[in-house]
Amino acid sequence: MSAVDNVCMVASEPLRERLVGAGVDMLEEVGAAQLGLRAITRAAGVSHGAPRRHFPTHRALLAAIAARGFADLIERFAQAAAGATTPREQLQVMAAEYVEFAGERPEMFTLMFRHDLLEGSGENLRSITLPLFERFAALVAAAAPTADDQRAVAIALWTNLHGIAALQANRSLRLVVPATDTRVLVAQVLALHLA
């Protein structure tokens, strides 16, 4: 594809998607704190005022970028869990994907959970995150049917996994346990919570 064809294809993409795509592409390089509206519009090849119709605030654009991250993570979960036959196996592969996603896309992972930054954005990220957690809790309930409080187990497991993922995202995990395979660590955490 020639450069002219590429420019024409990008220009024909809906403006909202162009802006979100430019933000996603830039995020890992500059981080959410430095991901400015002007830089995104410049990368998308539009004027600084163009986003206002789709994103009335910078926060709204950041939330749409975070929503794309959640969509990518959910897709990873679906692909990883496709071959898993039991709820425990599904939890194992999904938990491993969660930690790996954080390590591979640390700025996206961090942005996705910056509720202080994204709250009130109008993107309604809870419509994505709450069903995702409910699915996780249902898998925990199926994997640990004899637990006294399955919801408490799900919350404890998720917070433990999120802690590992956050440490992976900010590169602290390898400083504390440099030789640990994250999949083994995730399996150990699941064994502790689902015993």
Protein backbone atom coordinates (compact mmCIF):
# COMPACT_ATOMS: atom_id res chain seq x y z
CA MET A 1 0.00 0.00 0.00
CA SER A 2 1.39 3.40 -0.96
CA ALA A 3 1.66 6.31 1.46
CA VAL A 4 -1.09 8.12 -0.49
CA ASP A 5 -3.40 5.09 -0.17
CA ASN A 6 -2.66 4.92 3.56
CA VAL A 7 -3.48 8.62 4.04
CA CYS A 8 -6.72 8.23 2.06
CA MET A 9 -7.70 5.17 4.08
CA VAL A 10 -7.00 6.96 7.39
CA ALA A 11 -8.88 10.06 6.24
CA SER A 12 -11.93 7.94 5.39
CA GLU A 13 -11.99 6.37 8.86
CA PRO A 14 -14.63 7.97 11.11
CA LEU A 15 -13.18 10.85 13.13
CA ARG A 16 -14.01 9.32 16.51
CA GLU A 17 -12.14 6.12 15.63
CA ARG A 18 -9.19 8.05 14.20
CA LEU A 19 -8.81 10.02 17.41
CA VAL A 20 -9.12 6.96 19.65
CA GLY A 21 -6.72 5.00 17.43
CA ALA A 22 -4.16 7.82 17.50
CA GLY A 23 -4.45 7.96 21.30
CA VAL A 24 -4.05 4.20 21.65
CA ASP A 25 -1.00 4.27 19.38
CA MET A 26 0.62 7.08 21.37
CA LEU A 27 -0.27 5.90 24.87
CA GLU A 28 2.57 3.45 25.48
CA GLU A 29 5.10 5.95 24.21
CA VAL A 30 4.08 9.00 26.25
CA GLY A 31 1.82 7.74 29.06
CA ALA A 32 -1.63 8.98 30.03
CA ALA A 33 -0.31 11.99 31.94
CA GLN A 34 1.39 13.31 28.78
CA LEU A 35 -1.26 12.23 26.29
CA GLY A 36 -2.52 15.66 25.33
CA LEU A 37 -5.43 16.52 23.09
CA ARG A 38 -3.25 18.58 20.73
CA ALA A 39 -0.81 15.71 20.23
CA ILE A 40 -3.64 13.28 19.52
CA THR A 41 -5.31 15.60 17.00
CA ARG A 42 -1.96 16.20 15.31
CA ALA A 43 -1.34 12.44 15.05
CA ALA A 44 -4.86 11.93 13.70
CA GLY A 45 -4.30 14.70 11.14
CA VAL A 46 -7.18 16.90 12.23
CA SER A 47 -7.59 20.40 13.67
CA HIS A 48 -7.45 20.96 17.42
CA GLY A 49 -11.16 21.76 17.53
CA ALA A 50 -12.27 18.69 15.58
CA PRO A 51 -12.64 16.34 18.58
CA ARG A 52 -15.20 18.53 20.37
CA ARG A 53 -18.14 16.96 18.56
CA HIS A 54 -17.21 13.47 19.73
CA PHE A 55 -15.25 14.26 22.88
CA PRO A 56 -16.36 17.38 24.73
CA THR A 57 -13.47 16.97 27.18
CA HIS A 58 -10.00 15.50 27.21
CA ARG A 59 -11.22 13.12 29.90
CA ALA A 60 -13.88 11.78 27.51
CA LEU A 61 -11.22 10.96 24.92
CA LEU A 62 -9.03 9.25 27.53
CA ALA A 63 -12.03 7.18 28.63
CA ALA A 64 -12.69 6.10 25.03
CA ILE A 65 -9.03 5.06 24.78
CA ALA A 66 -9.41 3.08 28.03
CA ALA A 67 -12.57 1.44 26.63
CA ARG A 68 -10.50 0.25 23.67
CA GLY A 69 -8.06 -1.27 26.16
CA PHE A 70 -10.87 -3.13 27.90
CA ALA A 71 -12.12 -4.39 24.53
CA ASP A 72 -8.63 -5.67 23.73
CA LEU A 73 -8.35 -7.36 27.12
CA ILE A 74 -11.78 -9.00 26.76
CA GLU A 75 -10.74 -10.30 23.34
CA ARG A 76 -7.59 -11.76 24.87
CA PHE A 77 -9.68 -13.42 27.57
CA ALA A 78 -11.98 -14.97 24.97
CA GLN A 79 -9.11 -16.35 22.90
CA ALA A 80 -7.23 -17.69 25.93
CA ALA A 81 -10.30 -19.30 27.52
CA ALA A 82 -11.53 -20.90 24.29
CA GLY A 83 -9.61 -24.11 24.92
CA ALA A 84 -10.21 -24.24 28.68
CA THR A 85 -12.82 -26.79 29.70
CA THR A 86 -13.32 -26.13 33.42
CA PRO A 87 -14.03 -22.90 35.32
CA ARG A 88 -10.68 -23.25 37.11
CA GLU A 89 -8.83 -23.60 33.79
CA GLN A 90 -10.69 -20.56 32.45
CA LEU A 91 -9.70 -18.57 35.53
CA GLN A 92 -6.10 -19.71 35.16
CA VAL A 93 -5.74 -18.57 31.56
CA MET A 94 -7.69 -15.36 32.08
CA ALA A 95 -5.64 -14.43 35.15
CA ALA A 96 -2.41 -15.12 33.27
CA GLU A 97 -3.61 -12.97 30.36
CA TYR A 98 -4.51 -10.16 32.76
CA VAL A 99 -0.99 -10.08 34.20
CA GLU A 100 0.63 -10.42 30.76
CA PHE A 101 -1.54 -7.62 29.34
CA ALA A 102 -0.33 -5.36 32.18
CA GLY A 103 3.28 -6.20 31.36
CA GLU A 104 2.91 -5.78 27.60
CA ARG A 105 0.78 -2.62 27.70
CA PRO A 106 1.58 -0.98 31.04
CA GLU A 107 0.35 2.51 30.17
CA MET A 108 -2.95 1.19 28.82
CA PHE A 109 -3.39 -1.02 31.88
CA THR A 110 -2.70 1.92 34.17
CA LEU A 111 -5.10 4.20 32.30
CA MET A 112 -7.87 1.59 32.36
CA PHE A 113 -7.91 1.66 36.15
CA ARG A 114 -7.43 5.40 36.69
CA HIS A 115 -10.97 5.96 37.95
CA ASP A 116 -9.88 9.29 39.40
CA LEU A 117 -8.99 10.43 35.87
CA LEU A 118 -11.85 8.77 33.97
CA GLU A 119 -14.78 9.25 36.34
CA GLY A 120 -17.48 11.48 34.93
CA SER A 121 -16.16 11.14 31.38
CA GLY A 122 -19.47 10.05 29.91
CA GLU A 123 -18.00 6.83 28.49
CA ASN A 124 -19.74 4.61 31.11
CA LEU A 125 -16.80 2.27 31.62
CA ARG A 126 -18.75 0.55 34.39
CA SER A 127 -20.93 -1.00 31.70
CA ILE A 128 -17.77 -2.86 30.67
CA THR A 129 -16.02 -3.47 33.98
CA LEU A 130 -18.94 -4.61 36.12
CA PRO A 131 -20.08 -7.41 33.75
CA LEU A 132 -16.43 -8.43 33.40
CA PHE A 133 -16.10 -8.75 37.17
CA GLU A 134 -19.44 -10.59 37.39
CA ARG A 135 -18.16 -13.13 34.86
CA PHE A 136 -14.99 -13.52 36.92
CA ALA A 137 -17.05 -13.95 40.12
CA ALA A 138 -19.24 -16.59 38.43
CA LEU A 139 -16.13 -18.54 37.42
CA VAL A 140 -14.81 -18.32 40.98
CA ALA A 141 -18.14 -19.59 42.31
CA ALA A 142 -18.04 -22.52 39.89
CA ALA A 143 -14.38 -23.26 40.69
CA ALA A 144 -14.86 -23.03 44.47
CA PRO A 145 -18.42 -24.27 45.07
CA THR A 146 -17.81 -25.08 48.74
CA ALA A 147 -16.45 -21.66 49.72
CA ASP A 148 -18.48 -20.01 52.48
CA ASP A 149 -18.52 -16.60 50.77
CA GLN A 150 -17.77 -16.99 47.08
CA ARG A 151 -18.10 -13.26 46.44
CA ALA A 152 -15.47 -12.51 49.08
CA VAL A 153 -13.20 -15.11 47.47
CA ALA A 154 -13.70 -13.48 44.07
CA ILE A 155 -12.88 -10.03 45.44
CA ALA A 156 -9.82 -11.27 47.30
CA LEU A 157 -8.58 -13.18 44.26
CA TRP A 158 -9.13 -10.26 41.88
CA THR A 159 -7.40 -7.76 44.19
CA ASN A 160 -4.47 -10.15 44.56
CA LEU A 161 -4.23 -10.62 40.78
CA HIS A 162 -4.63 -6.88 40.20
CA GLY A 163 -1.77 -6.24 42.61
CA ILE A 164 0.46 -8.63 40.67
CA ALA A 165 -0.61 -7.01 37.39
CA ALA A 166 0.09 -3.51 38.74
CA LEU A 167 3.54 -4.63 39.90
CA GLN A 168 4.10 -6.14 36.47
CA ALA A 169 2.96 -2.93 34.76
CA ASN A 170 5.32 -0.70 36.70
CA ARG A 171 8.18 -3.20 36.39
CA SER A 172 8.45 -3.75 40.16
CA LEU A 173 7.58 -7.45 40.09
CA ARG A 174 10.85 -8.45 38.44
CA LEU A 175 12.77 -6.49 41.10
CA VAL A 176 11.12 -8.40 43.94
CA VAL A 177 10.98 -11.85 42.32
CA PRO A 178 13.26 -11.66 39.25
CA ALA A 179 13.25 -15.35 38.36
CA THR A 180 9.54 -15.98 38.80
CA ASP A 181 7.44 -16.99 35.82
CA THR A 182 4.23 -14.94 36.12
CA ARG A 183 2.11 -17.90 34.99
CA VAL A 184 3.49 -19.97 37.87
CA LEU A 185 2.87 -17.10 40.29
CA VAL A 186 -0.71 -16.75 39.03
CA ALA A 187 -1.27 -20.50 39.45
CA GLN A 188 0.00 -20.28 43.04
CA VAL A 189 -2.35 -17.37 43.80
CA LEU A 190 -5.31 -19.27 42.34
CA ALA A 191 -4.40 -22.33 44.40
CA LEU A 192 -4.35 -20.22 47.58
CA HIS A 193 -7.73 -18.61 46.97
CA LEU A 194 -9.56 -21.59 45.49
CA ALA A 195 -8.31 -24.22 47.94
